[in-house]
Amino acid sequence: GAASISTFQASGHVILSTKDETGTGDLAVFDPKSHMLTLTGNVVVTSKAGRVQSSKLVVDMTKKQSVFTSNGGRVTGVFSSDE
C-alpha cells in the first residue's frame, strides 16, 4: 500500500509546477516520510519574480524552505521587480 512507499523518483526532463513557480531538472526524488523533495541536474526554477539555476535544489515541504546548491559551480539568479 501507499504507506509502504519509501520514495518517489522521476527522471528525464522532470517538470514540477505550482501555481506560482515551475522547476525543471534531470532527476526528482521525494521522500514522503520526511516531506523532502530533491531536484538535481540542470535545475531551473522560474517565477514571475525571476529565475534561479543550480545543480541541486532541496525543498522541505513541511517548513516550505528551499536550498539551492551547486557542485563546485555557481548558483545563479536573475530577478525583476514590478516597481
C-alpha atoms as a PDB file:
ATOM      1  CA  GLY A   1       0.000   0.000   0.000  1.00  0.00           C
ATOM      2  CA  ALA A   2       0.878   3.672  -0.107  1.00  0.00           C
ATOM      3  CA  ALA A   3       2.127   3.600   3.497  1.00  0.00           C
ATOM      4  CA  SER A   4       4.995   1.303   2.498  1.00  0.00           C
ATOM      5  CA  ILE A   5       6.351   3.624  -0.236  1.00  0.00           C
ATOM      6  CA  SER A   6       9.731   4.952   0.833  1.00  0.00           C
ATOM      7  CA  THR A   7      10.452   7.318  -2.103  1.00  0.00           C
ATOM      8  CA  PHE A   8       9.042   8.568  -5.376  1.00  0.00           C
ATOM      9  CA  GLN A   9      11.511   9.123  -8.205  1.00  0.00           C
ATOM     10  CA  ALA A  10      11.191  10.718 -11.647  1.00  0.00           C
ATOM     11  CA  SER A  11      13.983  11.009 -14.202  1.00  0.00           C
ATOM     12  CA  GLY A  12      14.474  12.500 -17.630  1.00  0.00           C
ATOM     13  CA  HIS A  13      13.203  16.010 -18.265  1.00  0.00           C
ATOM     14  CA  VAL A  14      11.365  16.425 -14.946  1.00  0.00           C
ATOM     15  CA  ILE A  15       8.902  19.309 -14.614  1.00  0.00           C
ATOM     16  CA  LEU A  16       7.437  20.296 -11.251  1.00  0.00           C
ATOM     17  CA  SER A  17       4.971  23.135 -11.157  1.00  0.00           C
ATOM     18  CA  THR A  18       2.868  25.059  -8.682  1.00  0.00           C
ATOM     19  CA  LYS A  19       0.514  27.965  -9.196  1.00  0.00           C
ATOM     20  CA  ASP A  20       3.426  30.437  -8.943  1.00  0.00           C
ATOM     21  CA  GLU A  21       6.588  28.532  -9.920  1.00  0.00           C
ATOM     22  CA  THR A  22       7.921  25.959 -12.341  1.00  0.00           C
ATOM     23  CA  GLY A  23      11.015  23.850 -11.678  1.00  0.00           C
ATOM     24  CA  THR A  24      12.840  21.599 -14.107  1.00  0.00           C
ATOM     25  CA  GLY A  25      15.728  19.194 -13.696  1.00  0.00           C
ATOM     26  CA  ASP A  26      17.086  15.783 -14.625  1.00  0.00           C
ATOM     27  CA  LEU A  27      16.043  13.839 -11.505  1.00  0.00           C
ATOM     28  CA  ALA A  28      13.452  14.394  -8.773  1.00  0.00           C
ATOM     29  CA  VAL A  29      13.242  12.323  -5.588  1.00  0.00           C
ATOM     30  CA  PHE A  30      10.522  12.798  -2.969  1.00  0.00           C
ATOM     31  CA  ASP A  31      10.658  11.196   0.478  1.00  0.00           C
ATOM     32  CA  PRO A  32       7.067  11.077   1.807  1.00  0.00           C
ATOM     33  CA  LYS A  33       8.180  10.378   5.376  1.00  0.00           C
ATOM     34  CA  SER A  34      10.415  13.457   5.707  1.00  0.00           C
ATOM     35  CA  HIS A  35       8.466  15.544   3.145  1.00  0.00           C
ATOM     36  CA  MET A  36      11.760  16.405   1.416  1.00  0.00           C
ATOM     37  CA  LEU A  37      11.956  16.907  -2.340  1.00  0.00           C
ATOM     38  CA  THR A  38      15.339  16.882  -4.104  1.00  0.00           C
ATOM     39  CA  LEU A  39      15.712  18.044  -7.693  1.00  0.00           C
ATOM     40  CA  THR A  40      19.126  17.589  -9.344  1.00  0.00           C
ATOM     41  CA  GLY A  41      20.842  18.088 -12.676  1.00  0.00           C
ATOM     42  CA  ASN A  42      20.441  21.349 -14.580  1.00  0.00           C
ATOM     43  CA  VAL A  43      17.916  22.734 -12.105  1.00  0.00           C
ATOM     44  CA  VAL A  44      15.993  25.813 -13.242  1.00  0.00           C
ATOM     45  CA  VAL A  45      13.204  27.403 -11.203  1.00  0.00           C
ATOM     46  CA  THR A  46      11.189  30.229 -12.736  1.00  0.00           C
ATOM     47  CA  SER A  47       8.508  32.504 -11.327  1.00  0.00           C
ATOM     48  CA  LYS A  48       7.129  35.972 -12.012  1.00  0.00           C
ATOM     49  CA  ALA A  49       9.989  37.396  -9.936  1.00  0.00           C
ATOM     50  CA  GLY A  50      12.773  35.709 -11.898  1.00  0.00           C
ATOM     51  CA  ARG A  51      14.824  32.606 -12.464  1.00  0.00           C
ATOM     52  CA  VAL A  52      17.363  30.579 -10.427  1.00  0.00           C
ATOM     53  CA  GLN A  53      19.755  27.967 -11.870  1.00  0.00           C
ATOM     54  CA  SER A  54      21.804  25.440  -9.913  1.00  0.00           C
ATOM     55  CA  SER A  55      22.790  21.795  -9.908  1.00  0.00           C
ATOM     56  CA  LYS A  56      20.657  20.877  -6.872  1.00  0.00           C
ATOM     57  CA  LEU A  57      17.516  22.059  -5.121  1.00  0.00           C
ATOM     58  CA  VAL A  58      16.281  20.634  -1.819  1.00  0.00           C
ATOM     59  CA  VAL A  59      12.783  21.625  -0.676  1.00  0.00           C
ATOM     60  CA  ASP A  60      11.497  20.983   2.842  1.00  0.00           C
ATOM     61  CA  MET A  61       7.772  20.766   2.106  1.00  0.00           C
ATOM     62  CA  THR A  62       6.873  20.958   5.812  1.00  0.00           C
ATOM     63  CA  LYS A  63       8.836  24.158   6.514  1.00  0.00           C
ATOM     64  CA  LYS A  64       8.305  25.499   2.964  1.00  0.00           C
ATOM     65  CA  GLN A  65      12.031  26.212   2.661  1.00  0.00           C
ATOM     66  CA  SER A  66      14.217  25.769  -0.424  1.00  0.00           C
ATOM     67  CA  VAL A  67      18.001  25.492  -0.628  1.00  0.00           C
ATOM     68  CA  PHE A  68      19.833  25.793  -3.941  1.00  0.00           C
ATOM     69  CA  THR A  69      23.391  24.410  -4.148  1.00  0.00           C
ATOM     70  CA  SER A  70      25.916  23.722  -6.858  1.00  0.00           C
ATOM     71  CA  ASN A  71      28.681  21.134  -7.086  1.00  0.00           C
ATOM     72  CA  GLY A  72      31.742  23.334  -7.498  1.00  0.00           C
ATOM     73  CA  GLY A  73      29.908  25.702  -9.812  1.00  0.00           C
ATOM     74  CA  ARG A  74      27.633  28.621  -9.226  1.00  0.00           C
ATOM     75  CA  VAL A  75      24.067  29.185  -8.252  1.00  0.00           C
ATOM     76  CA  THR A  76      22.819  31.984 -10.493  1.00  0.00           C
ATOM     77  CA  GLY A  77      19.692  34.050 -10.446  1.00  0.00           C
ATOM     78  CA  VAL A  78      18.008  36.812 -12.383  1.00  0.00           C
ATOM     79  CA  PHE A  79      15.230  38.725 -10.674  1.00  0.00           C
ATOM     80  CA  SER A  80      12.969  41.534 -11.797  1.00  0.00           C
ATOM     81  CA  SER A  81      10.799  43.991  -9.941  1.00  0.00           C
ATOM     82  CA  ASP A  82       7.415  45.338 -10.942  1.00  0.00           C
ATOM     83  CA  GLU A  83       8.098  48.545  -9.003  1.00  0.00           C
END
